[in-house]
Every structure is written in structure tokens, then in C-alpha cells.
Amino acid sequence: MKQTLIVSFVGDSSTAQVDLQKSKNEVVADGNDSATMTATVRDTKGNLLNDVKVTFNVNSAAAKLSQTEVNSHDGIATATLTSLKNGDYTVTASVSSGSQANQQVIFIGDQSTAALTLSVPSGDITVTNTAPLHMTATLQDKNGNPLKDKEITFSVPNDVASRFLDLPLYFQTSV
């Protein structure tokens, strides 16, 4: 009589090590664009570990993770990260053995919803050589995130500029 015995080998979850990768470095802060955070869990021998709880955390309440606790499946656990606010966020993946890994994701303003605000002093404006006119342009998306490294061109109509040919006009941008 012949018997078949099936043997399954499983990795040692007490030695679980986690590695964290991100799908992209830069994400638009619009609440829709996202970065997928992928945690890979292996034991010290390199075996992928199944059913190990991975805890995801982000260092700011302004960023949201799709889930914070995920059991690994074939050594993989994922969560997606979104935000409405620009900034640099650090995501940490950790496992019960104490192993943890970090990745930084940068959220940027949404250029497709850019709006320019020009601030000028209120009331009558007198421009002289000693009292220049200061104006500030602020470029933000619909969520109030500044849009950095974008060119803003200031211009004054010729009929106005000709009156101020020798007077200083100062323009400032705000981010």
C-alpha cells in the first residue's frame, strides 16, 4: 500500500521582517490621486509570510490611509494613501516582531484647479520713488494648497505704465 503525505512548510512569523515600497514619490493633494503602499513580510530566511498582521500609520491626520491593519496574503499587505493638503508624509509599516519600515510620500497642489489671487493695498494708492506700490500674487489650488515653482507674469497696461516709468513697482509672490 502506498500513501501520499502532503507536507507544508511555513515561515517563522516570530522573525518577521517588513519592507515597505510606494507606487510613486509625488501625489496630487486632491483626495483622489493616491500612492499605494506595499509591505512585504518575510522571515529571516527570506520566506514570504502569510497571515501576518501589518499595521500602517501615517505621521499626520491630514493624510488618510485606506486601512491601518491588514493581514499579509502571500507575504504582501497594501494600503493606499490620499490627502487634500500638500506636504511630506511618512508612512510606517510594522509587524508584531518589532520590525518596521518607512517611506516618505510628497503631496503637491493640484495645478488643474489653480487660482491666482492678487492683493493690492486698499484705498487710494500713491506711488513715489520713496513709497513704492507692493502687490502680492498667491497661486493656490481649490484646497488652498500653494503651487510652487510656477511662473507668474506681472504686466501693466501701457497707458498706466507710461505714467510710472521712473517709479518702483514691487511684485511679490506668495507660497
N, C-alpha and C. Protein backbone atom coordinates (compact mmCIF):
# COMPACT_ATOMS: atom_id res chain seq x y z
N MET A 1 0.83 -1.17 0.00
CA MET A 1 0.00 0.00 0.00
C MET A 1 0.88 1.25 0.00
N LYS A 2 0.49 2.17 -0.82
CA LYS A 2 1.25 3.40 -0.98
C LYS A 2 0.40 4.57 -0.46
N GLN A 3 1.02 5.43 0.32
CA GLN A 3 0.33 6.61 0.84
C GLN A 3 1.07 7.87 0.42
N THR A 4 0.29 8.90 0.19
CA THR A 4 0.89 10.19 -0.14
C THR A 4 0.74 11.10 1.07
N LEU A 5 1.80 11.67 1.46
CA LEU A 5 1.79 12.58 2.60
C LEU A 5 2.11 13.98 2.08
N ILE A 6 1.26 14.92 2.40
CA ILE A 6 1.48 16.31 1.98
C ILE A 6 2.05 17.07 3.17
N VAL A 7 3.17 17.69 2.95
CA VAL A 7 3.83 18.46 3.99
C VAL A 7 3.87 19.92 3.55
N SER A 8 3.46 20.78 4.44
CA SER A 8 3.52 22.23 4.16
C SER A 8 4.55 22.86 5.08
N PHE A 9 5.39 23.65 4.49
CA PHE A 9 6.38 24.38 5.27
C PHE A 9 5.92 25.83 5.37
N VAL A 10 5.98 26.37 6.55
CA VAL A 10 5.61 27.77 6.75
C VAL A 10 6.80 28.50 7.36
N GLY A 11 6.88 29.76 7.04
CA GLY A 11 7.96 30.57 7.59
C GLY A 11 7.75 30.84 9.07
N ASP A 12 8.76 31.36 9.69
CA ASP A 12 8.74 31.65 11.12
C ASP A 12 8.28 33.09 11.35
N SER A 13 7.01 33.26 11.69
CA SER A 13 6.46 34.61 11.85
C SER A 13 7.05 35.36 13.04
N SER A 14 7.67 34.64 13.97
CA SER A 14 8.28 35.34 15.12
C SER A 14 9.52 36.14 14.69
N THR A 15 10.04 35.84 13.49
CA THR A 15 11.21 36.58 12.98
C THR A 15 10.82 37.48 11.81
N ALA A 16 9.54 37.83 11.74
CA ALA A 16 9.03 38.61 10.60
C ALA A 16 9.77 39.93 10.44
N GLN A 17 10.13 40.20 9.19
CA GLN A 17 10.76 41.46 8.81
C GLN A 17 9.88 42.10 7.75
N VAL A 18 9.70 43.42 7.81
CA VAL A 18 8.84 44.09 6.84
C VAL A 18 9.66 45.05 6.00
N ASP A 19 9.32 45.10 4.73
CA ASP A 19 9.91 46.05 3.78
C ASP A 19 8.74 46.84 3.21
N LEU A 20 8.88 48.14 3.03
CA LEU A 20 7.79 48.98 2.54
C LEU A 20 8.21 49.70 1.26
N GLN A 21 7.36 49.63 0.25
CA GLN A 21 7.59 50.32 -1.01
C GLN A 21 6.37 51.18 -1.32
N LYS A 22 6.58 52.21 -2.16
CA LYS A 22 5.48 53.10 -2.56
C LYS A 22 5.36 53.08 -4.08
N SER A 23 4.14 53.29 -4.57
CA SER A 23 3.91 53.24 -6.01
C SER A 23 4.42 54.48 -6.72
N LYS A 24 4.50 55.61 -6.00
CA LYS A 24 5.05 56.83 -6.59
C LYS A 24 5.51 57.77 -5.50
N ASN A 25 6.43 58.67 -5.87
CA ASN A 25 7.02 59.61 -4.92
C ASN A 25 6.15 60.84 -4.69
N GLU A 26 5.48 61.30 -5.75
CA GLU A 26 4.74 62.56 -5.71
C GLU A 26 3.29 62.31 -6.08
N VAL A 27 2.37 62.84 -5.25
CA VAL A 27 0.94 62.61 -5.42
C VAL A 27 0.24 63.96 -5.37
N VAL A 28 -0.78 64.15 -6.20
CA VAL A 28 -1.57 65.39 -6.19
C VAL A 28 -2.49 65.36 -4.97
N ALA A 29 -2.50 66.45 -4.21
CA ALA A 29 -3.31 66.55 -2.99
C ALA A 29 -4.73 66.96 -3.33
N ASP A 30 -5.46 66.03 -3.97
CA ASP A 30 -6.85 66.31 -4.36
C ASP A 30 -7.84 65.34 -3.74
N GLY A 31 -7.37 64.42 -2.90
CA GLY A 31 -8.24 63.43 -2.29
C GLY A 31 -8.54 62.24 -3.17
N ASN A 32 -8.18 62.31 -4.45
CA ASN A 32 -8.41 61.20 -5.38
C ASN A 32 -7.13 60.50 -5.79
N ASP A 33 -6.11 61.28 -6.14
CA ASP A 33 -4.83 60.69 -6.50
C ASP A 33 -4.27 60.00 -5.26
N SER A 34 -3.57 58.90 -5.45
CA SER A 34 -3.11 58.14 -4.29
C SER A 34 -1.78 57.46 -4.58
N ALA A 35 -1.13 57.08 -3.50
CA ALA A 35 0.07 56.24 -3.57
C ALA A 35 -0.29 54.91 -2.90
N THR A 36 0.04 53.82 -3.56
CA THR A 36 -0.18 52.50 -2.96
C THR A 36 1.07 52.13 -2.17
N MET A 37 0.87 51.82 -0.90
CA MET A 37 1.95 51.42 -0.02
C MET A 37 1.91 49.89 0.06
N THR A 38 3.02 49.24 -0.30
CA THR A 38 3.07 47.78 -0.34
C THR A 38 4.11 47.28 0.66
N ALA A 39 3.62 46.54 1.66
CA ALA A 39 4.50 45.94 2.66
C ALA A 39 4.73 44.48 2.29
N THR A 40 6.00 44.08 2.27
CA THR A 40 6.36 42.69 2.03
C THR A 40 6.91 42.12 3.33
N VAL A 41 6.34 40.98 3.75
CA VAL A 41 6.72 40.39 5.04
C VAL A 41 7.41 39.05 4.79
N ARG A 42 8.63 38.94 5.32
CA ARG A 42 9.43 37.72 5.18
C ARG A 42 10.02 37.35 6.54
N ASP A 43 10.36 36.09 6.69
CA ASP A 43 11.11 35.69 7.88
C ASP A 43 12.60 35.91 7.62
N THR A 44 13.43 35.61 8.60
CA THR A 44 14.87 35.87 8.44
C THR A 44 15.52 34.99 7.37
N LYS A 45 14.84 33.94 6.95
CA LYS A 45 15.36 33.07 5.88
C LYS A 45 14.87 33.52 4.51
N GLY A 46 14.05 34.60 4.47
CA GLY A 46 13.56 35.12 3.19
C GLY A 46 12.25 34.53 2.73
N ASN A 47 11.63 33.69 3.55
CA ASN A 47 10.34 33.10 3.19
C ASN A 47 9.22 34.12 3.35
N LEU A 48 8.36 34.22 2.34
CA LEU A 48 7.20 35.10 2.45
C LEU A 48 6.26 34.55 3.52
N LEU A 49 5.73 35.45 4.34
CA LEU A 49 4.87 35.03 5.45
C LEU A 49 3.42 35.39 5.17
N ASN A 50 2.56 34.40 5.35
CA ASN A 50 1.13 34.59 5.13
C ASN A 50 0.44 34.88 6.47
N ASP A 51 -0.58 35.69 6.43
CA ASP A 51 -1.45 35.96 7.57
C ASP A 51 -0.73 36.62 8.75
N VAL A 52 0.21 37.50 8.46
CA VAL A 52 0.87 38.30 9.49
C VAL A 52 0.23 39.68 9.47
N LYS A 53 -0.19 40.16 10.65
CA LYS A 53 -0.83 41.47 10.72
C LYS A 53 0.21 42.58 10.50
N VAL A 54 -0.07 43.42 9.51
CA VAL A 54 0.77 44.58 9.21
C VAL A 54 -0.02 45.82 9.62
N THR A 55 0.60 46.68 10.41
CA THR A 55 -0.03 47.92 10.84
C THR A 55 0.59 49.07 10.07
N PHE A 56 -0.27 49.85 9.38
CA PHE A 56 0.16 51.03 8.64
C PHE A 56 -0.19 52.27 9.45
N ASN A 57 0.73 53.21 9.54
CA ASN A 57 0.49 54.51 10.19
C ASN A 57 1.04 55.61 9.31
N VAL A 58 0.43 56.80 9.41
CA VAL A 58 0.95 57.98 8.71
C VAL A 58 1.13 59.06 9.77
N ASN A 59 2.13 59.91 9.60
CA ASN A 59 2.52 60.87 10.63
C ASN A 59 1.65 62.12 10.71
N SER A 60 0.55 62.19 9.99
CA SER A 60 -0.30 63.38 10.03
C SER A 60 -1.75 63.00 9.81
N ALA A 61 -2.64 63.67 10.54
CA ALA A 61 -4.08 63.45 10.36
C ALA A 61 -4.56 64.01 9.02
N ALA A 62 -3.76 64.84 8.37
CA ALA A 62 -4.14 65.42 7.07
C ALA A 62 -4.08 64.39 5.94
N ALA A 63 -3.39 63.30 6.17
CA ALA A 63 -3.30 62.22 5.17
C ALA A 63 -4.12 61.04 5.66
N LYS A 64 -4.72 60.33 4.72
CA LYS A 64 -5.59 59.20 5.07
C LYS A 64 -5.09 57.91 4.42
N LEU A 65 -5.08 56.85 5.22
CA LEU A 65 -4.77 55.51 4.72
C LEU A 65 -6.08 54.75 4.52
N SER A 66 -6.17 53.96 3.46
CA SER A 66 -7.38 53.19 3.19
C SER A 66 -7.65 52.16 4.28
N GLN A 67 -6.60 51.66 4.89
CA GLN A 67 -6.73 50.73 6.01
C GLN A 67 -5.46 50.81 6.84
N THR A 68 -5.61 50.54 8.14
CA THR A 68 -4.45 50.64 9.02
C THR A 68 -3.95 49.29 9.50
N GLU A 69 -4.79 48.26 9.43
CA GLU A 69 -4.35 46.91 9.79
C GLU A 69 -4.76 45.95 8.69
N VAL A 70 -3.78 45.22 8.17
CA VAL A 70 -4.02 44.30 7.07
C VAL A 70 -3.23 43.03 7.34
N ASN A 71 -3.85 41.88 7.14
CA ASN A 71 -3.11 40.62 7.23
C ASN A 71 -2.46 40.35 5.88
N SER A 72 -1.21 39.94 5.94
CA SER A 72 -0.48 39.67 4.70
C SER A 72 -1.07 38.46 3.99
N HIS A 73 -1.06 38.53 2.69
CA HIS A 73 -1.50 37.41 1.84
C HIS A 73 -0.33 37.11 0.91
N ASP A 74 0.21 35.92 1.04
CA ASP A 74 1.41 35.55 0.30
C ASP A 74 2.54 36.56 0.54
N GLY A 75 2.61 37.06 1.77
CA GLY A 75 3.68 37.98 2.15
C GLY A 75 3.45 39.43 1.82
N ILE A 76 2.29 39.77 1.25
CA ILE A 76 2.04 41.14 0.79
C ILE A 76 0.83 41.73 1.52
N ALA A 77 0.95 42.99 1.94
CA ALA A 77 -0.16 43.76 2.50
C ALA A 77 -0.10 45.15 1.89
N THR A 78 -1.25 45.70 1.51
CA THR A 78 -1.25 47.02 0.87
C THR A 78 -2.27 47.95 1.53
N ALA A 79 -1.99 49.24 1.39
CA ALA A 79 -2.91 50.31 1.79
C ALA A 79 -2.66 51.47 0.84
N THR A 80 -3.67 52.29 0.61
CA THR A 80 -3.49 53.47 -0.25
C THR A 80 -3.52 54.73 0.61
N LEU A 81 -2.74 55.72 0.19
CA LEU A 81 -2.59 56.97 0.91
C LEU A 81 -3.11 58.11 0.05
N THR A 82 -3.99 58.95 0.63
CA THR A 82 -4.51 60.14 -0.05
C THR A 82 -4.44 61.33 0.90
N SER A 83 -4.56 62.53 0.33
CA SER A 83 -4.60 63.75 1.15
C SER A 83 -5.20 64.89 0.34
N LEU A 84 -5.77 65.85 1.06
CA LEU A 84 -6.24 67.10 0.45
C LEU A 84 -5.24 68.23 0.70
N LYS A 85 -4.25 67.99 1.55
CA LYS A 85 -3.27 69.02 1.92
C LYS A 85 -1.88 68.62 1.44
N ASN A 86 -1.18 69.60 0.87
CA ASN A 86 0.17 69.32 0.41
C ASN A 86 1.10 69.13 1.60
N GLY A 87 2.21 68.47 1.36
CA GLY A 87 3.21 68.26 2.41
C GLY A 87 3.91 66.94 2.22
N ASP A 88 4.90 66.72 3.07
CA ASP A 88 5.66 65.47 3.08
C ASP A 88 5.11 64.60 4.20
N TYR A 89 4.68 63.41 3.87
CA TYR A 89 4.11 62.50 4.85
C TYR A 89 4.95 61.23 4.91
N THR A 90 5.11 60.70 6.12
CA THR A 90 5.85 59.46 6.31
C THR A 90 4.89 58.36 6.71
N VAL A 91 4.91 57.28 5.94
CA VAL A 91 4.10 56.10 6.23
C VAL A 91 5.01 55.05 6.85
N THR A 92 4.54 54.43 7.92
CA THR A 92 5.27 53.37 8.59
C THR A 92 4.46 52.08 8.53
N ALA A 93 5.11 51.00 8.17
CA ALA A 93 4.50 49.66 8.24
C ALA A 93 5.25 48.90 9.32
N SER A 94 4.51 48.25 10.21
CA SER A 94 5.16 47.50 11.28
C SER A 94 4.46 46.16 11.49
N VAL A 95 5.20 45.21 12.06
CA VAL A 95 4.67 43.89 12.38
C VAL A 95 4.97 43.60 13.84
N SER A 96 4.31 42.58 14.39
CA SER A 96 4.39 42.30 15.83
C SER A 96 5.79 41.91 16.31
N SER A 97 6.67 41.48 15.42
CA SER A 97 8.03 41.13 15.83
C SER A 97 8.85 42.37 16.19
N GLY A 98 8.30 43.55 15.87
CA GLY A 98 9.01 44.80 16.15
C GLY A 98 9.64 45.42 14.92
N SER A 99 9.66 44.69 13.83
CA SER A 99 10.23 45.22 12.58
C SER A 99 9.32 46.30 12.01
N GLN A 100 9.92 47.35 11.51
CA GLN A 100 9.14 48.40 10.85
C GLN A 100 9.95 49.01 9.72
N ALA A 101 9.23 49.62 8.77
CA ALA A 101 9.87 50.27 7.62
C ALA A 101 9.08 51.54 7.31
N ASN A 102 9.78 52.54 6.77
CA ASN A 102 9.17 53.84 6.48
C ASN A 102 9.37 54.21 5.01
N GLN A 103 8.42 55.00 4.50
CA GLN A 103 8.55 55.61 3.18
C GLN A 103 7.94 57.01 3.26
N GLN A 104 8.57 57.96 2.60
CA GLN A 104 8.05 59.32 2.54
C GLN A 104 7.35 59.53 1.20
N VAL A 105 6.16 60.16 1.26
CA VAL A 105 5.39 60.48 0.07
C VAL A 105 5.13 61.99 0.09
N ILE A 106 5.34 62.64 -1.05
CA ILE A 106 5.16 64.09 -1.15
C ILE A 106 3.84 64.38 -1.86
N PHE A 107 3.00 65.18 -1.20
CA PHE A 107 1.75 65.62 -1.81
C PHE A 107 1.92 67.06 -2.28
N ILE A 108 1.48 67.32 -3.51
CA ILE A 108 1.62 68.64 -4.11
C ILE A 108 0.25 69.20 -4.46
N GLY A 109 0.18 70.53 -4.64
CA GLY A 109 -1.07 71.18 -5.03
C GLY A 109 -1.55 70.72 -6.39
N ASP A 110 -2.85 70.85 -6.61
CA ASP A 110 -3.50 70.41 -7.85
C ASP A 110 -3.48 71.54 -8.87
N GLN A 111 -2.57 71.46 -9.85
CA GLN A 111 -2.44 72.51 -10.86
C GLN A 111 -3.70 72.70 -11.69
N SER A 112 -4.49 71.64 -11.84
CA SER A 112 -5.69 71.74 -12.68
C SER A 112 -6.76 72.63 -12.07
N THR A 113 -6.64 72.94 -10.78
CA THR A 113 -7.62 73.81 -10.12
C THR A 113 -6.98 75.12 -9.65
N ALA A 114 -5.88 75.51 -10.28
CA ALA A 114 -5.13 76.70 -9.86
C ALA A 114 -5.98 77.96 -9.94
N ALA A 115 -5.80 78.80 -8.93
CA ALA A 115 -6.46 80.10 -8.90
C ALA A 115 -5.44 81.12 -8.40
N LEU A 116 -5.39 82.26 -9.06
CA LEU A 116 -4.45 83.33 -8.70
C LEU A 116 -5.21 84.43 -7.99
N THR A 117 -4.67 84.84 -6.84
CA THR A 117 -5.23 85.95 -6.09
C THR A 117 -4.20 87.06 -6.05
N LEU A 118 -4.62 88.27 -6.42
CA LEU A 118 -3.72 89.42 -6.39
C LEU A 118 -4.17 90.35 -5.28
N SER A 119 -3.26 90.64 -4.37
CA SER A 119 -3.56 91.54 -3.26
C SER A 119 -2.87 92.87 -3.48
N VAL A 120 -3.66 93.93 -3.44
CA VAL A 120 -3.12 95.29 -3.56
C VAL A 120 -3.65 96.08 -2.37
N PRO A 121 -2.94 97.13 -1.97
CA PRO A 121 -3.42 97.93 -0.85
C PRO A 121 -4.79 98.52 -1.16
N SER A 122 -5.61 98.64 -0.13
CA SER A 122 -6.94 99.22 -0.33
C SER A 122 -6.86 100.74 -0.29
N GLY A 123 -7.88 101.37 -0.80
CA GLY A 123 -7.95 102.83 -0.79
C GLY A 123 -7.14 103.45 -1.91
N ASP A 124 -6.91 104.76 -1.78
CA ASP A 124 -6.12 105.49 -2.76
C ASP A 124 -4.66 105.06 -2.68
N ILE A 125 -4.05 104.92 -3.83
CA ILE A 125 -2.66 104.48 -3.88
C ILE A 125 -1.82 105.61 -4.46
N THR A 126 -0.80 106.00 -3.71
CA THR A 126 0.15 107.00 -4.19
C THR A 126 1.49 106.31 -4.34
N VAL A 127 2.05 106.40 -5.52
CA VAL A 127 3.34 105.77 -5.79
C VAL A 127 4.36 106.87 -6.02
N THR A 128 5.45 106.81 -5.24
CA THR A 128 6.56 107.76 -5.40
C THR A 128 7.85 106.96 -5.37
N ASN A 129 8.97 107.67 -5.58
CA ASN A 129 10.27 107.00 -5.52
C ASN A 129 10.56 106.44 -4.13
N THR A 130 9.98 107.04 -3.11
CA THR A 130 10.24 106.58 -1.74
C THR A 130 9.11 105.72 -1.19
N ALA A 131 7.98 105.68 -1.84
CA ALA A 131 6.85 104.87 -1.38
C ALA A 131 6.36 103.99 -2.53
N PRO A 132 7.04 102.88 -2.77
CA PRO A 132 6.64 102.02 -3.89
C PRO A 132 5.32 101.31 -3.61
N LEU A 133 4.72 100.81 -4.66
CA LEU A 133 3.50 100.04 -4.57
C LEU A 133 3.87 98.56 -4.43
N HIS A 134 3.35 97.92 -3.41
CA HIS A 134 3.59 96.49 -3.19
C HIS A 134 2.32 95.71 -3.50
N MET A 135 2.46 94.69 -4.35
CA MET A 135 1.36 93.80 -4.68
C MET A 135 1.82 92.36 -4.45
N THR A 136 0.91 91.52 -4.01
CA THR A 136 1.24 90.11 -3.76
C THR A 136 0.32 89.21 -4.57
N ALA A 137 0.93 88.27 -5.28
CA ALA A 137 0.16 87.27 -6.02
C ALA A 137 0.30 85.93 -5.32
N THR A 138 -0.82 85.28 -5.08
CA THR A 138 -0.84 83.98 -4.43
C THR A 138 -1.49 82.98 -5.36
N LEU A 139 -0.78 81.90 -5.66
CA LEU A 139 -1.28 80.86 -6.55
C LEU A 139 -1.57 79.61 -5.72
N GLN A 140 -2.86 79.22 -5.67
CA GLN A 140 -3.27 78.08 -4.86
C GLN A 140 -4.25 77.21 -5.64
N ASP A 141 -4.38 75.96 -5.18
CA ASP A 141 -5.41 75.09 -5.76
C ASP A 141 -6.71 75.28 -4.99
N LYS A 142 -7.75 74.53 -5.36
CA LYS A 142 -9.07 74.72 -4.74
C LYS A 142 -9.09 74.35 -3.26
N ASN A 143 -8.07 73.61 -2.78
CA ASN A 143 -7.99 73.24 -1.37
C ASN A 143 -7.08 74.16 -0.57
N GLY A 144 -6.61 75.25 -1.20
CA GLY A 144 -5.74 76.19 -0.51
C GLY A 144 -4.28 75.80 -0.49
N ASN A 145 -3.90 74.79 -1.25
CA ASN A 145 -2.51 74.37 -1.32
C ASN A 145 -1.74 75.28 -2.26
N PRO A 146 -0.59 75.79 -1.82
CA PRO A 146 0.21 76.63 -2.72
C PRO A 146 0.78 75.81 -3.87
N LEU A 147 0.90 76.44 -5.02
CA LEU A 147 1.51 75.81 -6.19
C LEU A 147 2.89 76.42 -6.36
N LYS A 148 3.90 75.66 -6.01
CA LYS A 148 5.27 76.15 -6.02
C LYS A 148 5.90 76.02 -7.39
N ASP A 149 6.93 76.82 -7.60
CA ASP A 149 7.76 76.75 -8.82
C ASP A 149 6.97 76.97 -10.10
N LYS A 150 5.96 77.80 -10.02
CA LYS A 150 5.18 78.16 -11.20
C LYS A 150 5.45 79.62 -11.52
N GLU A 151 5.60 79.91 -12.79
CA GLU A 151 5.90 81.28 -13.22
C GLU A 151 4.63 82.12 -13.24
N ILE A 152 4.72 83.29 -12.64
CA ILE A 152 3.63 84.27 -12.67
C ILE A 152 4.19 85.51 -13.34
N THR A 153 3.53 85.98 -14.36
CA THR A 153 3.98 87.15 -15.10
C THR A 153 3.10 88.34 -14.74
N PHE A 154 3.73 89.39 -14.27
CA PHE A 154 3.02 90.62 -13.96
C PHE A 154 3.14 91.56 -15.16
N SER A 155 2.07 92.21 -15.49
CA SER A 155 2.13 93.21 -16.56
C SER A 155 1.19 94.36 -16.21
N VAL A 156 1.53 95.51 -16.72
CA VAL A 156 0.74 96.72 -16.50
C VAL A 156 0.42 97.28 -17.88
N PRO A 157 -0.84 97.65 -18.13
CA PRO A 157 -1.18 98.22 -19.44
C PRO A 157 -0.28 99.42 -19.77
N ASN A 158 0.03 99.59 -21.06
CA ASN A 158 0.94 100.67 -21.48
C ASN A 158 0.48 102.05 -21.02
N ASP A 159 -0.81 102.33 -21.08
CA ASP A 159 -1.27 103.66 -20.68
C ASP A 159 -1.04 103.93 -19.20
N VAL A 160 -1.02 102.87 -18.38
CA VAL A 160 -0.73 103.03 -16.96
C VAL A 160 0.78 103.03 -16.73
N ALA A 161 1.48 102.13 -17.37
CA ALA A 161 2.93 102.01 -17.17
C ALA A 161 3.66 103.28 -17.57
N SER A 162 3.21 103.94 -18.61
CA SER A 162 3.91 105.14 -19.07
C SER A 162 3.87 106.25 -18.02
N ARG A 163 2.89 106.23 -17.15
CA ARG A 163 2.81 107.24 -16.09
C ARG A 163 3.77 106.95 -14.94
N PHE A 164 4.24 105.71 -14.87
CA PHE A 164 5.08 105.30 -13.75
C PHE A 164 6.46 104.84 -14.20
N LEU A 165 6.93 105.37 -15.31
CA LEU A 165 8.17 104.91 -15.91
C LEU A 165 9.35 104.92 -14.95
N ASP A 166 9.48 105.93 -14.16
CA ASP A 166 10.64 106.06 -13.28
C ASP A 166 10.33 105.70 -11.84
N LEU A 167 9.16 105.14 -11.56
CA LEU A 167 8.78 104.82 -10.19
C LEU A 167 8.87 103.31 -9.97
N PRO A 168 9.30 102.92 -8.77
CA PRO A 168 9.45 101.48 -8.50
C PRO A 168 8.10 100.81 -8.23
N LEU A 169 7.89 99.68 -8.87
CA LEU A 169 6.75 98.82 -8.59
C LEU A 169 7.32 97.48 -8.12
N TYR A 170 6.90 97.00 -6.97
CA TYR A 170 7.41 95.75 -6.43
C TYR A 170 6.32 94.70 -6.47
N PHE A 171 6.67 93.56 -7.02
CA PHE A 171 5.74 92.45 -7.08
C PHE A 171 6.32 91.31 -6.25
N GLN A 172 5.47 90.67 -5.52
CA GLN A 172 5.90 89.58 -4.66
C GLN A 172 4.96 88.41 -4.88
N THR A 173 5.52 87.21 -4.87
CA THR A 173 4.66 86.03 -4.94
C THR A 173 4.65 85.35 -3.59
N SER A 174 3.59 84.68 -3.31
CA SER A 174 3.42 84.03 -2.02
C SER A 174 3.17 82.55 -2.22
N VAL A 175 3.88 81.71 -1.45
CA VAL A 175 3.62 80.27 -1.48
C VAL A 175 3.39 79.77 -0.08
